[in-house]
Amino acid sequence: RSDRALDRALLLAHRWREGDLVGGLYGLAPGKLFFGESMFARATDASKVCLAALVALLQHREVALIDCQQETPHLASLGARPISRRRFARHLRELIDSNAAPAGWTAAQVSEFR
């Protein structure tokens, strides 16, 4: 993949309050998958707000799977659930090489879901 394609696949979501960065997350979205890499919060529920906005956007773009990479009580409280390795592998085969464009987006598009 070219650097341009990778740039389109990188997703960032962040939350600001009174000029301070209070939460965010990032990951990659090739094809119709999102691979979460990291999330943080410096204020209560800031990462939840970012994740909720991202989920809404990914649903709008018909992204079928969010790989959280970890099974945590925090993610479970937001609706994440584990799937079998076999099912995950099937999703990879079906979705990562789809002909669909990466689910890239801009900050302006995210504001539609706040």
N, C-alpha and C. Protein backbone atom coordinates (compact mmCIF):
# COMPACT_ATOMS: atom_id res chain seq x y z
N ARG A 1 0.84 -1.19 0.00
CA ARG A 1 0.00 0.00 0.00
C ARG A 1 0.88 1.24 0.00
N SER A 2 0.39 2.26 -0.63
CA SER A 2 1.14 3.51 -0.65
C SER A 2 0.93 4.27 0.65
N ASP A 3 1.80 5.23 0.91
CA ASP A 3 1.63 6.07 2.11
C ASP A 3 0.30 6.80 2.06
N ARG A 4 -0.14 7.20 0.88
CA ARG A 4 -1.42 7.91 0.75
C ARG A 4 -2.57 7.01 1.19
N ALA A 5 -2.56 5.74 0.78
CA ALA A 5 -3.61 4.81 1.21
C ALA A 5 -3.57 4.60 2.71
N LEU A 6 -2.36 4.52 3.28
CA LEU A 6 -2.24 4.36 4.72
C LEU A 6 -2.77 5.59 5.44
N ASP A 7 -2.47 6.77 4.94
CA ASP A 7 -3.00 8.00 5.54
C ASP A 7 -4.51 7.99 5.56
N ARG A 8 -5.14 7.50 4.48
CA ARG A 8 -6.60 7.46 4.41
C ARG A 8 -7.17 6.43 5.37
N ALA A 9 -6.36 5.42 5.73
CA ALA A 9 -6.84 4.36 6.61
C ALA A 9 -6.64 4.68 8.08
N LEU A 10 -5.82 5.68 8.41
CA LEU A 10 -5.57 6.06 9.80
C LEU A 10 -6.72 6.90 10.32
N LEU A 11 -7.30 6.48 11.44
CA LEU A 11 -8.42 7.21 12.02
C LEU A 11 -8.04 7.74 13.40
N LEU A 12 -8.40 8.97 13.65
CA LEU A 12 -8.17 9.61 14.94
C LEU A 12 -9.48 10.21 15.42
N ALA A 13 -9.74 10.09 16.68
CA ALA A 13 -10.89 10.77 17.30
C ALA A 13 -10.38 11.39 18.58
N HIS A 14 -10.70 12.64 18.81
CA HIS A 14 -10.24 13.28 20.03
C HIS A 14 -11.31 14.21 20.57
N ARG A 15 -11.23 14.48 21.84
CA ARG A 15 -12.22 15.33 22.52
C ARG A 15 -11.48 16.43 23.25
N TRP A 16 -11.93 17.64 23.03
CA TRP A 16 -11.34 18.82 23.68
C TRP A 16 -12.37 19.44 24.61
N ARG A 17 -11.91 19.97 25.73
CA ARG A 17 -12.78 20.71 26.64
C ARG A 17 -12.02 21.94 27.11
N GLU A 18 -12.59 23.09 26.83
CA GLU A 18 -11.99 24.36 27.23
C GLU A 18 -10.53 24.46 26.81
N GLY A 19 -10.25 24.02 25.58
CA GLY A 19 -8.91 24.12 25.03
C GLY A 19 -7.94 23.02 25.42
N ASP A 20 -8.37 22.10 26.26
CA ASP A 20 -7.50 21.00 26.69
C ASP A 20 -7.94 19.68 26.05
N LEU A 21 -6.97 18.91 25.58
CA LEU A 21 -7.24 17.58 25.05
C LEU A 21 -7.55 16.66 26.23
N VAL A 22 -8.77 16.11 26.26
CA VAL A 22 -9.19 15.31 27.42
C VAL A 22 -9.39 13.83 27.10
N GLY A 23 -9.36 13.46 25.82
CA GLY A 23 -9.52 12.06 25.48
C GLY A 23 -9.37 11.83 24.00
N GLY A 24 -9.12 10.57 23.65
CA GLY A 24 -9.01 10.26 22.24
C GLY A 24 -8.72 8.80 22.01
N LEU A 25 -8.68 8.45 20.74
CA LEU A 25 -8.32 7.10 20.32
C LEU A 25 -7.83 7.17 18.89
N TYR A 26 -7.10 6.12 18.50
CA TYR A 26 -6.68 6.02 17.12
C TYR A 26 -6.60 4.56 16.71
N GLY A 27 -6.58 4.36 15.40
CA GLY A 27 -6.48 3.02 14.85
C GLY A 27 -6.43 3.09 13.34
N LEU A 28 -6.47 1.92 12.72
CA LEU A 28 -6.43 1.82 11.27
C LEU A 28 -7.73 1.21 10.76
N ALA A 29 -8.17 1.66 9.59
CA ALA A 29 -9.41 1.16 9.02
C ALA A 29 -9.22 0.79 7.55
N PRO A 30 -8.51 -0.30 7.29
CA PRO A 30 -8.42 -0.76 5.90
C PRO A 30 -9.69 -1.52 5.53
N GLY A 31 -10.13 -1.37 4.30
CA GLY A 31 -11.34 -2.08 3.88
C GLY A 31 -12.52 -1.73 4.76
N LYS A 32 -13.19 -2.76 5.26
CA LYS A 32 -14.37 -2.56 6.10
C LYS A 32 -14.12 -3.05 7.52
N LEU A 33 -12.90 -2.83 8.03
CA LEU A 33 -12.52 -3.20 9.39
C LEU A 33 -11.90 -2.00 10.08
N PHE A 34 -12.00 -1.96 11.41
CA PHE A 34 -11.27 -0.95 12.19
C PHE A 34 -10.47 -1.68 13.25
N PHE A 35 -9.17 -1.41 13.29
CA PHE A 35 -8.28 -1.99 14.28
C PHE A 35 -7.91 -0.89 15.28
N GLY A 36 -8.49 -0.95 16.47
CA GLY A 36 -8.17 0.03 17.50
C GLY A 36 -6.76 -0.20 18.02
N GLU A 37 -6.00 0.86 18.14
CA GLU A 37 -4.62 0.76 18.62
C GLU A 37 -4.47 1.30 20.04
N SER A 38 -5.09 2.42 20.32
CA SER A 38 -4.92 3.00 21.65
C SER A 38 -6.04 3.99 21.92
N MET A 39 -6.41 4.09 23.19
CA MET A 39 -7.35 5.13 23.61
C MET A 39 -6.92 5.64 24.98
N PHE A 40 -7.27 6.89 25.27
CA PHE A 40 -6.89 7.47 26.55
C PHE A 40 -7.95 8.46 27.00
N ALA A 41 -7.95 8.74 28.29
CA ALA A 41 -8.86 9.73 28.86
C ALA A 41 -8.15 10.46 29.98
N ARG A 42 -8.25 11.77 29.94
CA ARG A 42 -7.76 12.61 31.03
C ARG A 42 -8.92 13.20 31.81
N ALA A 43 -10.12 12.90 31.36
CA ALA A 43 -11.34 13.36 32.03
C ALA A 43 -12.34 12.20 31.97
N THR A 44 -13.19 12.13 32.96
CA THR A 44 -14.18 11.05 33.05
C THR A 44 -14.98 10.95 31.76
N ASP A 45 -15.05 9.74 31.24
CA ASP A 45 -15.86 9.38 30.06
C ASP A 45 -15.40 10.00 28.74
N ALA A 46 -14.27 10.68 28.71
CA ALA A 46 -13.82 11.31 27.46
C ALA A 46 -13.56 10.28 26.37
N SER A 47 -12.95 9.15 26.73
CA SER A 47 -12.70 8.13 25.70
C SER A 47 -14.00 7.50 25.23
N LYS A 48 -14.99 7.41 26.11
CA LYS A 48 -16.29 6.86 25.72
C LYS A 48 -16.96 7.76 24.69
N VAL A 49 -16.86 9.06 24.87
CA VAL A 49 -17.43 9.99 23.91
C VAL A 49 -16.77 9.82 22.54
N CYS A 50 -15.45 9.69 22.55
CA CYS A 50 -14.73 9.49 21.28
C CYS A 50 -15.12 8.17 20.63
N LEU A 51 -15.19 7.12 21.41
CA LEU A 51 -15.55 5.81 20.86
C LEU A 51 -16.97 5.83 20.32
N ALA A 52 -17.88 6.46 21.02
CA ALA A 52 -19.27 6.53 20.54
C ALA A 52 -19.34 7.27 19.20
N ALA A 53 -18.61 8.37 19.06
CA ALA A 53 -18.60 9.11 17.80
C ALA A 53 -17.98 8.26 16.69
N LEU A 54 -16.91 7.56 17.02
CA LEU A 54 -16.26 6.71 16.03
C LEU A 54 -17.17 5.56 15.59
N VAL A 55 -17.83 4.92 16.53
CA VAL A 55 -18.75 3.82 16.21
C VAL A 55 -19.86 4.32 15.27
N ALA A 56 -20.43 5.47 15.58
CA ALA A 56 -21.48 6.02 14.73
C ALA A 56 -20.96 6.26 13.31
N LEU A 57 -19.76 6.80 13.20
CA LEU A 57 -19.19 7.06 11.89
C LEU A 57 -18.90 5.75 11.15
N LEU A 58 -18.33 4.78 11.85
CA LEU A 58 -18.02 3.50 11.21
C LEU A 58 -19.29 2.78 10.78
N GLN A 59 -20.35 2.86 11.57
CA GLN A 59 -21.63 2.27 11.16
C GLN A 59 -22.15 2.95 9.90
N HIS A 60 -22.05 4.27 9.87
CA HIS A 60 -22.48 5.04 8.70
C HIS A 60 -21.71 4.61 7.45
N ARG A 61 -20.44 4.26 7.61
CA ARG A 61 -19.59 3.84 6.50
C ARG A 61 -19.60 2.33 6.29
N GLU A 62 -20.50 1.65 6.99
CA GLU A 62 -20.70 0.20 6.84
C GLU A 62 -19.45 -0.61 7.17
N VAL A 63 -18.68 -0.15 8.14
CA VAL A 63 -17.55 -0.93 8.64
C VAL A 63 -18.14 -2.01 9.53
N ALA A 64 -17.79 -3.26 9.23
CA ALA A 64 -18.48 -4.40 9.85
C ALA A 64 -17.88 -4.87 11.17
N LEU A 65 -16.62 -4.54 11.44
CA LEU A 65 -15.97 -5.09 12.63
C LEU A 65 -14.99 -4.08 13.21
N ILE A 66 -15.04 -3.91 14.52
CA ILE A 66 -14.06 -3.13 15.26
C ILE A 66 -13.25 -4.11 16.09
N ASP A 67 -11.95 -4.18 15.82
CA ASP A 67 -11.05 -5.04 16.60
C ASP A 67 -10.50 -4.21 17.75
N CYS A 68 -10.98 -4.49 18.95
CA CYS A 68 -10.54 -3.76 20.15
C CYS A 68 -9.20 -4.26 20.67
N GLN A 69 -8.79 -5.43 20.25
CA GLN A 69 -7.53 -6.07 20.60
C GLN A 69 -7.42 -6.51 22.05
N GLN A 70 -8.28 -6.05 22.91
CA GLN A 70 -8.26 -6.46 24.31
C GLN A 70 -9.68 -6.67 24.79
N GLU A 71 -9.84 -7.59 25.69
CA GLU A 71 -11.13 -7.82 26.32
C GLU A 71 -11.06 -7.22 27.72
N THR A 72 -11.68 -6.04 27.89
CA THR A 72 -11.63 -5.35 29.18
C THR A 72 -13.04 -5.04 29.67
N PRO A 73 -13.21 -4.88 30.97
CA PRO A 73 -14.52 -4.48 31.49
C PRO A 73 -14.99 -3.15 30.89
N HIS A 74 -14.06 -2.23 30.67
CA HIS A 74 -14.40 -0.93 30.09
C HIS A 74 -15.02 -1.10 28.71
N LEU A 75 -14.36 -1.88 27.84
CA LEU A 75 -14.89 -2.09 26.49
C LEU A 75 -16.17 -2.91 26.52
N ALA A 76 -16.25 -3.88 27.42
CA ALA A 76 -17.48 -4.67 27.55
C ALA A 76 -18.65 -3.77 27.95
N SER A 77 -18.39 -2.78 28.80
CA SER A 77 -19.46 -1.87 29.22
C SER A 77 -19.98 -1.04 28.05
N LEU A 78 -19.19 -0.95 27.00
CA LEU A 78 -19.58 -0.20 25.80
C LEU A 78 -20.15 -1.10 24.71
N GLY A 79 -20.26 -2.40 25.01
CA GLY A 79 -20.87 -3.32 24.05
C GLY A 79 -19.92 -4.25 23.33
N ALA A 80 -18.62 -4.15 23.59
CA ALA A 80 -17.67 -5.05 22.94
C ALA A 80 -17.86 -6.47 23.47
N ARG A 81 -17.62 -7.43 22.59
CA ARG A 81 -17.70 -8.82 23.01
C ARG A 81 -16.67 -9.63 22.23
N PRO A 82 -16.14 -10.67 22.83
CA PRO A 82 -15.14 -11.49 22.13
C PRO A 82 -15.79 -12.34 21.04
N ILE A 83 -15.00 -12.66 20.02
CA ILE A 83 -15.42 -13.60 18.99
C ILE A 83 -14.32 -14.65 18.85
N SER A 84 -14.66 -15.78 18.27
CA SER A 84 -13.69 -16.86 18.12
C SER A 84 -12.61 -16.47 17.10
N ARG A 85 -11.47 -17.11 17.23
CA ARG A 85 -10.37 -16.88 16.28
C ARG A 85 -10.82 -17.23 14.86
N ARG A 86 -11.57 -18.30 14.71
CA ARG A 86 -12.06 -18.72 13.39
C ARG A 86 -12.95 -17.63 12.78
N ARG A 87 -13.86 -17.10 13.57
CA ARG A 87 -14.75 -16.05 13.07
C ARG A 87 -13.96 -14.78 12.71
N PHE A 88 -12.98 -14.44 13.55
CA PHE A 88 -12.15 -13.27 13.28
C PHE A 88 -11.40 -13.47 11.96
N ALA A 89 -10.82 -14.65 11.76
CA ALA A 89 -10.09 -14.93 10.52
C ALA A 89 -11.01 -14.83 9.31
N ARG A 90 -12.25 -15.29 9.46
CA ARG A 90 -13.21 -15.19 8.35
C ARG A 90 -13.49 -13.72 8.03
N HIS A 91 -13.69 -12.91 9.08
CA HIS A 91 -13.91 -11.48 8.86
C HIS A 91 -12.72 -10.85 8.14
N LEU A 92 -11.51 -11.22 8.54
CA LEU A 92 -10.33 -10.68 7.87
C LEU A 92 -10.34 -11.00 6.38
N ARG A 93 -10.57 -12.27 6.07
CA ARG A 93 -10.58 -12.68 4.66
C ARG A 93 -11.64 -11.92 3.85
N GLU A 94 -12.80 -11.74 4.46
CA GLU A 94 -13.91 -11.13 3.74
C GLU A 94 -13.82 -9.61 3.63
N LEU A 95 -13.26 -8.97 4.65
CA LEU A 95 -13.40 -7.52 4.75
C LEU A 95 -12.14 -6.71 4.52
N ILE A 96 -10.99 -7.23 4.87
CA ILE A 96 -9.79 -6.40 4.79
C ILE A 96 -9.37 -6.13 3.35
N ASP A 97 -9.61 -7.07 2.47
CA ASP A 97 -9.26 -6.88 1.06
C ASP A 97 -10.46 -6.53 0.22
N SER A 98 -11.49 -6.01 0.85
CA SER A 98 -12.67 -5.63 0.07
C SER A 98 -12.28 -4.53 -0.91
N ASN A 99 -13.05 -4.37 -1.93
CA ASN A 99 -12.79 -3.32 -2.92
C ASN A 99 -13.19 -1.95 -2.43
N ALA A 100 -13.78 -1.91 -1.24
CA ALA A 100 -14.23 -0.64 -0.69
C ALA A 100 -13.03 0.23 -0.32
N ALA A 101 -13.21 1.51 -0.42
CA ALA A 101 -12.15 2.43 -0.01
C ALA A 101 -11.98 2.36 1.50
N PRO A 102 -10.79 2.67 2.01
CA PRO A 102 -10.62 2.71 3.46
C PRO A 102 -11.62 3.67 4.08
N ALA A 103 -11.91 3.44 5.34
CA ALA A 103 -12.93 4.24 6.02
C ALA A 103 -12.35 5.53 6.57
N GLY A 104 -11.50 6.19 5.82
CA GLY A 104 -10.90 7.44 6.26
C GLY A 104 -11.95 8.53 6.44
N TRP A 105 -11.67 9.51 7.29
CA TRP A 105 -12.62 10.57 7.54
C TRP A 105 -11.89 11.80 8.01
N THR A 106 -12.61 12.88 8.09
CA THR A 106 -12.02 14.14 8.53
C THR A 106 -12.70 14.57 9.82
N ALA A 107 -12.08 15.50 10.50
CA ALA A 107 -12.66 16.03 11.75
C ALA A 107 -14.05 16.61 11.50
N ALA A 108 -14.25 17.22 10.35
CA ALA A 108 -15.57 17.79 10.02
C ALA A 108 -16.63 16.70 9.97
N GLN A 109 -16.29 15.53 9.44
CA GLN A 109 -17.26 14.45 9.37
C GLN A 109 -17.62 13.93 10.75
N VAL A 110 -16.66 13.87 11.66
CA VAL A 110 -16.94 13.37 13.01
C VAL A 110 -17.89 14.30 13.74
N SER A 111 -17.78 15.60 13.51
CA SER A 111 -18.64 16.53 14.23
C SER A 111 -20.11 16.31 13.93
N GLU A 112 -20.41 15.67 12.79
CA GLU A 112 -21.80 15.36 12.47
C GLU A 112 -22.42 14.38 13.47
N PHE A 113 -21.58 13.61 14.16
CA PHE A 113 -22.08 12.55 15.03
C PHE A 113 -22.01 12.93 16.50
N ARG A 114 -21.66 14.14 16.83
CA ARG A 114 -21.57 14.55 18.24
C ARG A 114 -22.92 14.94 18.76
